[in-house]
């Protein structure tokens, strides 16, 4: 169940990254005018700059800014969700608890109809079959969560040494 959700979120993440790349390209084209403007110190260069500014490629409208912001948010959401479901699938305590709960309440694990994860409270809510009954499982991933600074530090370490040390 967790691996299915991981795969679905990875597919959505793939699409979100493509959308972000497209939106970033539009933003970067429009932003590139600043570097051209900084170098436009002759009259012909300034005239050329004015011509560029009159074209749509070098201006941003609200819709393009919104597309970029939505793409960033989608990447964040699907990355968190995919990571959470992968971590859940590899968390023996969580999977044993879910299996035990399902068995005790006569639910087949595969009969879930919905599953959600809320990162800020570290909670999975699983809805079983036609019951519309959601069960929460909270606090299983908190010990494994990393801050942004820890992730950046790990990236710097890997860049310098090629891999993280093994324990």
N, C-alpha and C. Protein backbone atom coordinates (compact mmCIF):
# COMPACT_ATOMS: atom_id res chain seq x y z
N UNK A 1 0.83 -1.18 0.00
CA UNK A 1 0.00 0.00 0.00
C UNK A 1 0.88 1.25 0.00
N UNK A 2 1.87 1.31 0.87
CA UNK A 2 2.74 2.48 0.92
C UNK A 2 3.57 2.62 -0.36
N UNK A 3 4.01 1.51 -0.91
CA UNK A 3 4.80 1.57 -2.14
C UNK A 3 3.95 2.01 -3.33
N UNK A 4 2.67 1.62 -3.35
CA UNK A 4 1.78 2.10 -4.40
C UNK A 4 1.66 3.62 -4.35
N UNK A 5 1.48 4.13 -3.15
CA UNK A 5 1.35 5.58 -2.97
C UNK A 5 2.66 6.29 -3.30
N UNK A 6 3.78 5.66 -2.94
CA UNK A 6 5.09 6.22 -3.29
C UNK A 6 5.21 6.33 -4.81
N UNK A 7 4.88 5.26 -5.52
CA UNK A 7 4.99 5.26 -6.98
C UNK A 7 4.08 6.31 -7.61
N UNK A 8 2.85 6.43 -7.10
CA UNK A 8 1.92 7.42 -7.64
C UNK A 8 2.46 8.84 -7.42
N UNK A 9 3.01 9.09 -6.25
CA UNK A 9 3.55 10.42 -5.96
C UNK A 9 4.82 10.69 -6.75
N UNK A 10 5.62 9.66 -7.01
CA UNK A 10 6.81 9.86 -7.85
C UNK A 10 6.40 10.22 -9.28
N UNK A 11 5.34 9.58 -9.79
CA UNK A 11 4.84 9.94 -11.12
C UNK A 11 4.37 11.39 -11.15
N UNK A 12 3.65 11.79 -10.11
CA UNK A 12 3.19 13.18 -10.02
C UNK A 12 4.37 14.13 -9.86
N UNK A 13 5.38 13.71 -9.11
CA UNK A 13 6.58 14.54 -8.94
C UNK A 13 7.29 14.74 -10.27
N UNK A 14 7.35 13.69 -11.07
CA UNK A 14 7.98 13.78 -12.39
C UNK A 14 7.29 14.84 -13.24
N UNK A 15 5.97 14.82 -13.24
CA UNK A 15 5.21 15.82 -13.98
C UNK A 15 5.42 17.21 -13.40
N UNK A 16 5.42 17.30 -12.07
CA UNK A 16 5.62 18.59 -11.41
C UNK A 16 6.99 19.18 -11.73
N UNK A 17 8.01 18.35 -11.78
CA UNK A 17 9.36 18.83 -12.13
C UNK A 17 9.39 19.33 -13.57
N UNK A 18 8.71 18.61 -14.47
CA UNK A 18 8.63 19.08 -15.87
C UNK A 18 7.93 20.44 -15.94
N UNK A 19 6.85 20.58 -15.18
CA UNK A 19 6.13 21.86 -15.17
C UNK A 19 7.00 22.97 -14.58
N UNK A 20 7.77 22.64 -13.55
CA UNK A 20 8.66 23.63 -12.95
C UNK A 20 9.76 24.04 -13.93
N UNK A 21 10.30 23.09 -14.65
CA UNK A 21 11.34 23.41 -15.64
C UNK A 21 10.78 24.34 -16.71
N UNK A 22 9.58 24.06 -17.18
CA UNK A 22 8.96 24.92 -18.20
C UNK A 22 8.70 26.32 -17.64
N UNK A 23 8.16 26.39 -16.43
CA UNK A 23 7.86 27.69 -15.82
C UNK A 23 9.14 28.45 -15.52
N UNK A 24 10.18 27.75 -15.10
CA UNK A 24 11.46 28.39 -14.81
C UNK A 24 12.07 28.98 -16.08
N UNK A 25 11.92 28.27 -17.17
CA UNK A 25 12.45 28.75 -18.45
C UNK A 25 11.82 30.09 -18.83
N UNK A 26 10.51 30.19 -18.63
CA UNK A 26 9.81 31.44 -18.94
C UNK A 26 10.30 32.56 -18.03
N UNK A 27 10.40 32.26 -16.74
CA UNK A 27 10.85 33.27 -15.78
C UNK A 27 12.29 33.70 -16.10
N UNK A 28 13.15 32.75 -16.38
CA UNK A 28 14.55 33.08 -16.65
C UNK A 28 14.71 33.90 -17.92
N UNK A 29 13.89 33.65 -18.92
CA UNK A 29 13.95 34.45 -20.14
C UNK A 29 13.61 35.90 -19.82
N UNK A 30 12.56 36.07 -19.03
CA UNK A 30 12.16 37.43 -18.67
C UNK A 30 13.19 38.10 -17.76
N UNK A 31 13.76 37.34 -16.85
CA UNK A 31 14.73 37.90 -15.91
C UNK A 31 16.07 38.20 -16.59
N UNK A 32 16.37 37.50 -17.66
CA UNK A 32 17.65 37.70 -18.34
C UNK A 32 17.82 39.12 -18.84
N UNK A 33 16.74 39.83 -18.98
CA UNK A 33 16.83 41.21 -19.46
C UNK A 33 17.64 42.08 -18.50
N UNK A 34 17.68 41.73 -17.23
CA UNK A 34 18.44 42.54 -16.27
C UNK A 34 19.93 42.52 -16.58
N UNK A 35 20.45 41.36 -16.96
CA UNK A 35 21.88 41.32 -17.28
C UNK A 35 22.17 42.06 -18.58
N UNK A 36 21.23 41.98 -19.51
CA UNK A 36 21.41 42.73 -20.76
C UNK A 36 21.36 44.23 -20.49
N UNK A 37 20.43 44.63 -19.62
CA UNK A 37 20.30 46.05 -19.28
C UNK A 37 21.55 46.57 -18.59
N UNK A 38 22.17 45.75 -17.76
CA UNK A 38 23.38 46.17 -17.05
C UNK A 38 24.53 46.44 -18.01
N UNK A 39 24.53 45.75 -19.16
CA UNK A 39 25.61 45.90 -20.12
C UNK A 39 25.29 46.89 -21.24
N UNK A 40 24.06 47.37 -21.29
CA UNK A 40 23.64 48.27 -22.37
C UNK A 40 24.12 49.69 -22.07
N UNK A 41 25.34 49.98 -22.49
CA UNK A 41 25.89 51.29 -22.18
C UNK A 41 26.07 52.19 -23.41
N UNK A 42 25.71 51.69 -24.57
CA UNK A 42 25.76 52.53 -25.78
C UNK A 42 24.34 52.76 -26.27
N UNK A 43 24.16 53.78 -27.06
CA UNK A 43 22.84 54.13 -27.58
C UNK A 43 22.23 52.98 -28.38
N UNK A 44 22.97 52.33 -29.30
CA UNK A 44 22.38 51.21 -30.05
C UNK A 44 21.96 50.05 -29.12
N UNK A 45 22.75 49.77 -28.10
CA UNK A 45 22.41 48.70 -27.16
C UNK A 45 21.15 49.07 -26.37
N UNK A 46 21.02 50.33 -26.02
CA UNK A 46 19.84 50.77 -25.27
C UNK A 46 18.58 50.72 -26.13
N UNK A 47 18.72 51.05 -27.39
CA UNK A 47 17.59 50.96 -28.33
C UNK A 47 17.18 49.50 -28.50
N UNK A 48 18.17 48.63 -28.62
CA UNK A 48 17.88 47.20 -28.74
C UNK A 48 17.18 46.69 -27.48
N UNK A 49 17.63 47.15 -26.33
CA UNK A 49 17.01 46.76 -25.07
C UNK A 49 15.55 47.20 -25.02
N UNK A 50 15.27 48.41 -25.45
CA UNK A 50 13.89 48.88 -25.47
C UNK A 50 13.02 48.01 -26.37
N UNK A 51 13.57 47.60 -27.48
CA UNK A 51 12.83 46.70 -28.39
C UNK A 51 12.55 45.35 -27.74
N UNK A 52 13.52 44.85 -26.99
CA UNK A 52 13.33 43.57 -26.29
C UNK A 52 12.22 43.69 -25.26
N UNK A 53 12.20 44.79 -24.54
CA UNK A 53 11.22 44.98 -23.47
C UNK A 53 9.79 45.05 -24.00
N UNK A 54 9.66 45.38 -25.28
CA UNK A 54 8.33 45.47 -25.88
C UNK A 54 7.79 44.12 -26.32
N UNK A 55 8.61 43.07 -26.26
CA UNK A 55 8.15 41.74 -26.66
C UNK A 55 7.66 40.96 -25.45
N UNK A 56 6.72 40.07 -25.69
CA UNK A 56 6.14 39.26 -24.61
C UNK A 56 7.16 38.35 -23.94
N UNK A 57 8.17 37.92 -24.69
CA UNK A 57 9.14 36.96 -24.14
C UNK A 57 9.89 37.54 -22.94
N UNK A 58 10.00 38.86 -22.91
CA UNK A 58 10.79 39.48 -21.84
C UNK A 58 9.93 40.17 -20.77
N UNK A 59 8.68 39.80 -20.74
CA UNK A 59 7.81 40.32 -19.68
C UNK A 59 7.09 39.14 -19.03
N UNK A 60 6.72 39.34 -17.79
CA UNK A 60 6.00 38.30 -17.05
C UNK A 60 4.62 38.82 -16.71
N UNK A 61 3.62 37.97 -16.93
CA UNK A 61 2.30 38.37 -16.47
C UNK A 61 1.96 37.55 -15.22
N UNK A 62 0.88 37.90 -14.59
CA UNK A 62 0.48 37.26 -13.33
C UNK A 62 0.29 35.76 -13.50
N UNK A 63 -0.27 35.35 -14.62
CA UNK A 63 -0.50 33.92 -14.86
C UNK A 63 0.82 33.14 -14.89
N UNK A 64 1.84 33.72 -15.51
CA UNK A 64 3.14 33.04 -15.57
C UNK A 64 3.79 32.95 -14.20
N UNK A 65 3.67 33.99 -13.42
CA UNK A 65 4.20 33.98 -12.05
C UNK A 65 3.44 32.94 -11.22
N UNK A 66 2.13 32.90 -11.38
CA UNK A 66 1.32 31.91 -10.66
C UNK A 66 1.68 30.48 -11.06
N UNK A 67 1.90 30.26 -12.36
CA UNK A 67 2.30 28.93 -12.83
C UNK A 67 3.61 28.50 -12.19
N UNK A 68 4.55 29.42 -12.11
CA UNK A 68 5.84 29.12 -11.48
C UNK A 68 5.65 28.78 -10.01
N UNK A 69 4.91 29.62 -9.29
CA UNK A 69 4.68 29.38 -7.86
C UNK A 69 3.95 28.07 -7.61
N UNK A 70 2.95 27.77 -8.43
CA UNK A 70 2.22 26.51 -8.30
C UNK A 70 3.12 25.31 -8.59
N UNK A 71 4.02 25.46 -9.56
CA UNK A 71 4.95 24.37 -9.89
C UNK A 71 5.91 24.11 -8.73
N UNK A 72 6.41 25.17 -8.11
CA UNK A 72 7.29 25.01 -6.94
C UNK A 72 6.55 24.29 -5.82
N UNK A 73 5.32 24.72 -5.55
CA UNK A 73 4.52 24.10 -4.49
C UNK A 73 4.23 22.63 -4.80
N UNK A 74 3.95 22.31 -6.06
CA UNK A 74 3.67 20.92 -6.43
C UNK A 74 4.90 20.04 -6.24
N UNK A 75 6.07 20.55 -6.62
CA UNK A 75 7.31 19.78 -6.42
C UNK A 75 7.51 19.51 -4.93
N UNK A 76 7.33 20.53 -4.12
CA UNK A 76 7.49 20.36 -2.67
C UNK A 76 6.51 19.31 -2.13
N UNK A 77 5.26 19.42 -2.51
CA UNK A 77 4.23 18.51 -2.01
C UNK A 77 4.51 17.07 -2.42
N UNK A 78 4.73 16.84 -3.71
CA UNK A 78 4.92 15.46 -4.17
C UNK A 78 6.23 14.86 -3.70
N UNK A 79 7.27 15.69 -3.54
CA UNK A 79 8.53 15.18 -2.99
C UNK A 79 8.35 14.74 -1.55
N UNK A 80 7.65 15.56 -0.75
CA UNK A 80 7.39 15.17 0.65
C UNK A 80 6.55 13.92 0.72
N UNK A 81 5.51 13.85 -0.10
CA UNK A 81 4.61 12.70 -0.07
C UNK A 81 5.35 11.42 -0.51
N UNK A 82 6.08 11.52 -1.61
CA UNK A 82 6.81 10.34 -2.10
C UNK A 82 7.82 9.86 -1.06
N UNK A 83 8.54 10.79 -0.46
CA UNK A 83 9.51 10.42 0.58
C UNK A 83 8.84 9.80 1.79
N UNK A 84 7.71 10.36 2.18
CA UNK A 84 6.99 9.83 3.35
C UNK A 84 6.50 8.41 3.09
N UNK A 85 5.95 8.17 1.92
CA UNK A 85 5.44 6.83 1.64
C UNK A 85 6.58 5.81 1.51
N UNK A 86 7.70 6.22 0.96
CA UNK A 86 8.86 5.32 0.89
C UNK A 86 9.36 5.01 2.30
N UNK A 87 9.46 6.05 3.13
CA UNK A 87 9.90 5.85 4.52
C UNK A 87 8.91 4.95 5.26
N UNK A 88 7.62 5.15 5.02
CA UNK A 88 6.60 4.33 5.67
C UNK A 88 6.73 2.87 5.26
N UNK A 89 6.96 2.63 3.98
CA UNK A 89 7.10 1.26 3.49
C UNK A 89 8.29 0.57 4.13
N UNK A 90 9.31 1.33 4.48
CA UNK A 90 10.52 0.76 5.08
C UNK A 90 10.52 0.81 6.60
N UNK A 91 9.42 1.26 7.20
CA UNK A 91 9.33 1.36 8.65
C UNK A 91 8.60 0.13 9.19
N UNK A 92 9.36 -0.80 9.71
CA UNK A 92 8.78 -2.07 10.18
C UNK A 92 7.75 -1.87 11.28
N UNK A 93 7.97 -0.92 12.18
CA UNK A 93 7.00 -0.67 13.24
C UNK A 93 5.67 -0.20 12.67
N UNK A 94 5.72 0.72 11.73
CA UNK A 94 4.49 1.25 11.14
C UNK A 94 3.75 0.17 10.35
N UNK A 95 4.47 -0.55 9.50
CA UNK A 95 3.78 -1.58 8.70
C UNK A 95 3.21 -2.68 9.59
N UNK A 96 3.90 -3.04 10.66
CA UNK A 96 3.37 -4.05 11.58
C UNK A 96 2.13 -3.54 12.29
N UNK A 97 2.14 -2.27 12.67
CA UNK A 97 0.98 -1.67 13.34
C UNK A 97 -0.22 -1.62 12.40
N UNK A 98 0.00 -1.21 11.16
CA UNK A 98 -1.09 -1.16 10.18
C UNK A 98 -1.62 -2.56 9.93
N UNK A 99 -0.73 -3.53 9.74
CA UNK A 99 -1.16 -4.93 9.53
C UNK A 99 -1.96 -5.44 10.72
N UNK A 100 -1.50 -5.17 11.91
CA UNK A 100 -2.18 -5.62 13.12
C UNK A 100 -3.55 -4.98 13.25
N UNK A 101 -3.61 -3.68 13.00
CA UNK A 101 -4.89 -2.97 13.09
C UNK A 101 -5.88 -3.53 12.06
N UNK A 102 -5.42 -3.71 10.84
CA UNK A 102 -6.29 -4.22 9.78
C UNK A 102 -6.80 -5.61 10.13
N UNK A 103 -5.92 -6.46 10.63
CA UNK A 103 -6.32 -7.82 11.01
C UNK A 103 -7.33 -7.80 12.15
N UNK A 104 -7.09 -7.01 13.17
CA UNK A 104 -7.98 -6.95 14.32
C UNK A 104 -9.36 -6.39 13.97
N UNK A 105 -9.43 -5.59 12.94
CA UNK A 105 -10.71 -4.98 12.56
C UNK A 105 -11.30 -5.54 11.27
N UNK A 106 -10.76 -6.68 10.85
CA UNK A 106 -11.25 -7.39 9.66
C UNK A 106 -11.21 -6.55 8.38
N UNK A 107 -10.15 -5.76 8.25
CA UNK A 107 -9.92 -5.02 7.01
C UNK A 107 -8.80 -5.73 6.27
N UNK A 108 -8.92 -5.82 4.97
CA UNK A 108 -7.79 -6.28 4.17
C UNK A 108 -6.95 -5.05 3.87
N UNK A 109 -5.65 -5.13 4.08
CA UNK A 109 -4.77 -3.99 3.87
C UNK A 109 -4.96 -3.42 2.47
N UNK A 110 -5.12 -4.28 1.50
CA UNK A 110 -5.28 -3.83 0.11
C UNK A 110 -6.63 -3.21 -0.18
N UNK A 111 -7.55 -3.24 0.77
CA UNK A 111 -8.89 -2.69 0.52
C UNK A 111 -9.01 -1.22 0.93
N UNK A 112 -7.89 -0.59 1.22
CA UNK A 112 -7.96 0.83 1.56
C UNK A 112 -8.45 1.61 0.36
N UNK A 113 -9.22 2.65 0.62
CA UNK A 113 -9.74 3.47 -0.47
C UNK A 113 -9.04 4.82 -0.56
N UNK A 114 -8.38 5.21 0.52
CA UNK A 114 -7.65 6.47 0.51
C UNK A 114 -6.58 6.43 1.59
N UNK A 115 -5.51 7.14 1.32
CA UNK A 115 -4.47 7.31 2.32
C UNK A 115 -3.90 8.71 2.14
N UNK A 116 -3.72 9.39 3.25
CA UNK A 116 -3.13 10.72 3.21
C UNK A 116 -2.01 10.79 4.22
N UNK A 117 -1.09 11.70 3.97
CA UNK A 117 -0.01 11.94 4.91
C UNK A 117 0.08 13.44 5.14
N UNK A 118 0.12 13.84 6.40
CA UNK A 118 0.28 15.24 6.77
C UNK A 118 1.62 15.37 7.46
N UNK A 119 2.56 16.03 6.78
CA UNK A 119 3.95 16.08 7.24
C UNK A 119 4.10 16.83 8.55
N UNK A 120 3.41 17.97 8.72
CA UNK A 120 3.67 18.78 9.91
C UNK A 120 3.22 18.14 11.21
N UNK A 121 2.36 17.11 11.13
CA UNK A 121 2.00 16.37 12.34
C UNK A 121 2.41 14.90 12.23
N UNK A 122 3.11 14.56 11.15
CA UNK A 122 3.60 13.20 10.91
C UNK A 122 2.48 12.18 11.11
N UNK A 123 1.43 12.31 10.30
CA UNK A 123 0.30 11.40 10.46
C UNK A 123 -0.18 10.87 9.11
N UNK A 124 -0.32 9.54 9.07
CA UNK A 124 -0.96 8.86 7.96
C UNK A 124 -2.40 8.60 8.38
N UNK A 125 -3.34 8.86 7.50
CA UNK A 125 -4.73 8.50 7.73
C UNK A 125 -5.14 7.57 6.60
N UNK A 126 -5.58 6.37 6.98
CA UNK A 126 -5.97 5.36 6.01
C UNK A 126 -7.47 5.14 6.13
N UNK A 127 -8.16 5.22 4.99
CA UNK A 127 -9.60 4.94 4.95
C UNK A 127 -9.75 3.54 4.37
N UNK A 128 -10.54 2.74 5.05
CA UNK A 128 -10.67 1.32 4.71
C UNK A 128 -11.98 1.02 4.00
N UNK A 129 -11.88 0.34 2.86
CA UNK A 129 -13.05 -0.18 2.13
C UNK A 129 -14.16 0.83 1.99
N UNK A 130 -15.37 0.35 2.14
CA UNK A 130 -16.55 1.20 1.99
C UNK A 130 -16.96 1.84 3.31
N UNK A 131 -16.17 1.63 4.34
CA UNK A 131 -16.57 2.09 5.67
C UNK A 131 -16.50 3.61 5.84
N UNK A 132 -15.74 4.28 4.97
CA UNK A 132 -15.47 5.71 5.12
C UNK A 132 -14.87 6.02 6.48
N UNK A 133 -14.29 5.02 7.10
CA UNK A 133 -13.68 5.17 8.42
C UNK A 133 -12.18 5.35 8.24
N UNK A 134 -11.66 6.46 8.73
CA UNK A 134 -10.23 6.73 8.61
C UNK A 134 -9.52 6.46 9.92
N UNK A 135 -8.39 5.80 9.82
CA UNK A 135 -7.57 5.49 10.98
C UNK A 135 -6.26 6.25 10.88
N UNK A 136 -5.89 6.92 11.97
CA UNK A 136 -4.65 7.70 11.96
C UNK A 136 -3.50 6.94 12.61
N UNK A 137 -2.34 7.06 12.00
CA UNK A 137 -1.11 6.48 12.53
C UNK A 137 -0.11 7.63 12.59
N UNK A 138 0.28 8.02 13.78
CA UNK A 138 1.03 9.26 13.95
C UNK A 138 2.37 9.02 14.65
N UNK A 139 3.39 9.80 14.21
CA UNK A 139 4.67 9.84 14.90
C UNK A 139 5.67 8.79 14.49
N UNK A 140 5.40 8.04 13.43
CA UNK A 140 6.32 6.97 13.05
C UNK A 140 7.54 7.46 12.27
N UNK A 141 7.43 8.59 11.60
CA UNK A 141 8.55 9.07 10.78
C UNK A 141 9.35 10.19 11.43
N UNK A 142 8.82 10.78 12.49
CA UNK A 142 9.49 11.92 13.13
C UNK A 142 10.96 11.67 13.46
N UNK A 143 11.32 10.52 14.00
CA UNK A 143 12.75 10.31 14.33
C UNK A 143 13.68 10.34 13.12
N UNK A 144 13.13 10.11 11.92
CA UNK A 144 13.95 10.06 10.72
C UNK A 144 13.94 11.36 9.92
N UNK A 145 13.17 12.36 10.36
CA UNK A 145 13.07 13.62 9.61
C UNK A 145 14.37 14.41 9.73
N UNK A 146 14.69 15.10 8.66
CA UNK A 146 15.91 15.91 8.59
C UNK A 146 15.54 17.36 8.30
N UNK A 147 16.32 18.27 8.84
CA UNK A 147 16.12 19.69 8.54
C UNK A 147 16.80 20.01 7.22
N UNK A 148 16.45 21.17 6.67
CA UNK A 148 17.07 21.60 5.42
C UNK A 148 18.58 21.72 5.60
N UNK A 149 19.03 22.25 6.74
CA UNK A 149 20.47 22.41 6.94
C UNK A 149 21.18 21.06 7.02
N UNK A 150 20.52 20.05 7.59
CA UNK A 150 21.13 18.71 7.62
C UNK A 150 21.24 18.13 6.21
N UNK A 151 20.24 18.38 5.39
CA UNK A 151 20.26 17.88 4.01
C UNK A 151 21.35 18.59 3.22
N UNK A 152 21.44 19.91 3.36
CA UNK A 152 22.49 20.64 2.65
C UNK A 152 23.87 20.20 3.12
N UNK A 153 24.03 19.99 4.42
CA UNK A 153 25.33 19.54 4.95
C UNK A 153 25.69 18.18 4.37
N UNK A 154 24.71 17.29 4.27
CA UNK A 154 24.97 15.96 3.69
C UNK A 154 25.38 16.10 2.22
N UNK A 155 24.71 17.00 1.49
CA UNK A 155 25.05 17.23 0.09
C UNK A 155 26.47 17.76 -0.06
N UNK A 156 26.85 18.68 0.81
CA UNK A 156 28.22 19.21 0.77
C UNK A 156 29.24 18.11 1.08
N UNK A 157 28.90 17.27 2.05
CA UNK A 157 29.80 16.18 2.42
C UNK A 157 29.98 15.22 1.24
N UNK A 158 28.86 14.87 0.61
CA UNK A 158 28.92 13.95 -0.54
C UNK A 158 29.70 14.57 -1.69
N UNK A 159 29.50 15.88 -1.93
CA UNK A 159 30.26 16.55 -2.99
C UNK A 159 31.76 16.51 -2.70
N UNK A 160 32.13 16.64 -1.44
CA UNK A 160 33.54 16.67 -1.10
C UNK A 160 34.16 15.29 -1.03
N UNK A 161 33.44 14.33 -0.45
CA UNK A 161 34.03 13.02 -0.19
C UNK A 161 33.46 11.88 -1.04
N UNK A 162 32.41 12.16 -1.81
CA UNK A 162 31.88 11.14 -2.73
C UNK A 162 30.76 10.29 -2.16
N UNK A 163 30.64 10.17 -0.84
CA UNK A 163 29.58 9.36 -0.23
C UNK A 163 29.52 9.68 1.25
N UNK A 164 28.42 9.32 1.86
CA UNK A 164 28.29 9.48 3.30
C UNK A 164 29.05 8.32 3.97
N UNK A 165 29.59 8.54 5.17
CA UNK A 165 30.29 7.45 5.85
C UNK A 165 29.32 6.35 6.26
N UNK A 166 29.78 5.14 6.23
CA UNK A 166 28.95 4.01 6.69
C UNK A 166 29.18 3.81 8.18
N UNK A 167 28.17 3.26 8.82
CA UNK A 167 28.28 3.09 10.27
C UNK A 167 28.62 1.68 10.64
